[in-house]
Structures are given as structure tokens and as C-alpha cells.
Protein backbone atom coordinates (compact mmCIF):
# COMPACT_ATOMS: atom_id res chain seq x y z
CA MET A 1 143.32 95.02 142.28
CA LYS A 2 139.52 94.72 143.56
CA ARG A 3 139.18 98.47 142.21
CA ILE A 4 139.65 97.92 138.74
CA ILE A 5 137.63 93.71 138.40
CA SER A 6 134.94 96.13 140.40
CA LEU A 7 135.70 99.30 137.67
CA ILE A 8 135.50 96.33 135.54
CA CYS A 9 132.13 95.00 136.50
CA ILE A 10 130.32 98.15 136.62
CA PHE A 11 131.62 98.69 132.87
CA LEU A 12 129.90 95.84 132.03
CA LEU A 13 127.20 96.10 133.58
CA CYS A 14 126.09 99.28 132.06
CA SER A 15 127.01 98.69 128.86
CA PHE A 16 124.45 95.65 129.43
CA THR A 17 121.96 98.01 130.42
CA ILE A 18 122.50 100.39 127.35
CA LYS A 19 122.43 97.86 124.17
CA ALA A 20 118.79 96.21 126.30
CA GLN A 21 117.42 99.52 125.31
CA LYS A 22 117.70 98.81 122.18
CA ILE A 23 115.32 96.73 120.89
CA ASP A 24 114.16 97.09 117.58
CA ASN A 25 109.67 96.30 118.18
CA GLU A 26 109.99 92.92 115.69
CA TYR A 27 106.95 93.10 115.60
CA LYS A 28 106.09 97.78 114.20
CA THR A 29 108.91 96.21 111.60
CA LEU A 30 106.79 93.40 110.37
CA LYS A 31 103.88 95.55 110.62
CA ASP A 32 105.99 98.95 108.38
CA GLY A 33 106.78 96.36 105.60
CA ALA A 34 104.05 95.13 105.14
CA ILE A 35 101.86 98.22 105.14
CA VAL A 36 105.07 99.67 102.67
CA ILE A 37 104.25 96.72 100.01
CA SER A 38 101.08 97.07 100.00
CA GLY A 39 101.12 101.23 99.36
CA ASP A 40 104.48 100.12 96.41
CA ASP A 41 102.06 97.71 94.70
CA PHE A 42 99.06 100.19 93.98
CA TYR A 43 101.44 103.20 93.24
CA ASN A 44 103.17 100.88 90.73
CA PHE A 45 99.08 100.15 90.06
CA TYR A 46 98.24 104.33 89.36
CA LYS A 47 102.05 104.38 87.00
CA GLN A 48 100.30 101.31 85.11
CA GLU A 49 97.55 102.74 84.64
CA LEU A 50 99.44 106.42 83.78
CA SER A 51 100.53 104.37 81.27
CA LYS A 52 97.31 104.16 79.29
CA ASP A 53 96.63 106.31 76.38
CA ILE A 54 92.66 107.06 76.76
CA GLN A 55 91.07 110.35 76.46
CA THR A 56 87.79 109.70 77.56
CA GLU A 57 86.07 112.07 80.23
CA ASN A 58 85.05 108.46 82.35
CA TRP A 59 89.26 107.65 81.67
CA LYS A 60 89.71 111.68 82.91
CA LEU A 61 88.06 110.75 86.05
CA TYR A 62 88.86 108.23 87.19
CA ILE A 63 92.80 108.71 87.45
CA GLN A 64 91.69 112.14 89.39
CA GLN A 65 89.85 109.68 91.65
CA LEU A 66 92.93 107.60 92.28
CA SER A 67 95.40 109.98 92.09
CA THR A 68 93.51 112.02 95.43
CA LYS A 69 93.51 108.05 96.54
CA ILE A 70 97.04 108.32 96.70
CA ASN A 71 97.96 111.73 98.31
CA ASN A 72 95.10 111.61 100.87
CA LEU A 73 95.97 108.10 102.12
CA TYR A 74 95.04 107.59 106.35
CA LEU A 75 96.95 104.77 108.10
CA LEU A 76 94.31 103.93 111.26
CA ASP A 77 94.95 100.16 113.70
CA GLU A 78 92.47 98.34 114.46
CA ASN A 79 91.27 100.42 116.85
CA ASN A 80 90.64 103.66 115.07
CA ARG A 81 93.84 105.47 115.68
CA GLY A 82 96.10 106.46 114.13
CA PHE A 83 99.65 105.73 113.32
CA LYS A 84 103.21 106.24 111.19
CA ILE A 85 105.24 103.94 109.28
CA ASN A 86 109.45 104.64 109.92
CA THR A 87 109.82 103.31 106.94
CA ILE A 88 110.48 104.88 103.53
CA SER A 89 106.58 104.17 100.87
CA LYS A 90 106.26 105.82 97.25
CA ILE A 91 103.13 107.13 99.43
CA GLN A 92 103.12 109.31 100.93
CA PHE A 93 100.61 108.67 104.17
CA LYS A 94 98.58 110.95 106.86
CA GLU A 95 97.92 110.28 110.55
CA ILE A 96 94.21 111.26 111.50
CA ASP A 97 92.26 111.22 115.31
CA ILE A 98 89.34 110.40 113.91
CA TYR A 99 87.46 111.12 116.99
CA ASP A 100 88.83 114.84 116.85
CA LYS A 101 86.12 117.35 116.86
CA LYS A 102 88.58 119.51 114.38
CA LYS A 103 88.89 117.14 111.59
CA ARG A 104 84.79 116.21 111.38
CA SER A 105 85.10 118.62 108.71
CA LEU A 106 87.59 117.00 107.41
CA LEU A 107 85.43 113.68 108.05
CA LYS A 108 82.52 114.22 106.43
CA LYS A 109 83.40 114.96 103.15
CA GLY A 110 85.18 111.88 102.99
CA ILE A 111 88.79 110.33 103.23
CA ASN A 112 90.75 107.34 101.57
CA VAL A 113 91.98 105.42 104.33
CA TRP A 114 93.76 101.73 105.30
CA LYS A 115 92.63 99.78 108.02
CA VAL A 116 95.21 97.88 108.95
CA ILE A 117 94.45 95.40 111.60
CA GLU A 118 96.17 91.57 113.17
CA VAL A 119 95.47 88.57 113.72
CA LEU A 120 97.11 86.04 115.84
CA ASN A 121 96.39 82.47 114.96
CA GLY A 122 98.97 80.53 117.15
CA ASN A 123 102.61 81.17 115.98
CA ARG A 124 101.91 83.28 112.72
CA ILE A 125 100.28 86.18 112.44
CA THR A 126 98.06 88.13 109.07
CA ILE A 127 98.33 91.30 108.80
CA ASN A 128 95.04 92.82 107.28
CA ILE A 129 94.71 95.76 105.02
CA MET A 130 91.17 96.58 104.28
CA ASP A 131 90.43 99.90 101.80
CA PHE A 132 87.85 101.99 102.92
CA LYS A 133 86.22 105.17 102.00
């Protein structure tokens, strides 16, 4: 009888330990969600701009620059380190390590970056997404 009780206790202890290690990072999920929402809004804006029927040279250049920006968009955190989101977005974000010496030629050309900064004020988290080149 003692053996059965001890096996049940060990089984319960192991199951609680396994369950405790599978906790999702809610902070990361919140940050990913904010990035996906902003990315989807930007993609929808791009699709609206494409639907306009304007045939001037300036407009074609504008659409080409917008297309390049959507296809080559990098994510950085507040410490200037690249990161990858875990959720699906309409825009495929790229990762980059700006401190890597191999990336200097790419950085000299210029890249489109979204810098994600989180600010905690009391019990409120504000996620700022800055767009720059």
C-alpha cells in the first residue's frame, strides 16, 4: 500500500513539474501581438496604395520604395538586438545583428528598421514601435 501511494505521489510531483515548465511568456506574446497588429496595418496601407490608379513617375517611385520597405524590414529591441516574432504576420520580418562586422556593408546601404521599446509605468505596459531607416 505504501508503495502505491509513493508511486502516485511521485507521478503527481512529476506532472506538476512538467506543467510548470510549459508556462508561456505572456510578455513576449503581448510584444509579438503589438508588432503583428502594426505590421498588418502597414501591409493593408500598402495594398490600398497599390489599388490607386496613378501613373506618374513619382507615384511609381513611391510604390517601389514602399515595396522595398515591406520586403526588407528588420526588428530591433531597445538594446539594438534583433529578434524574431513567434506569431504569423502578413509581413515577413528579418533578423539582424547590427554589431556583426559582416553586416557593415548592408548597414552602410541603409536598412528599414522597426525598433520596439517597452515601457512599464506602474501596472501598464506601453509598447512603442519606431520606424526608421
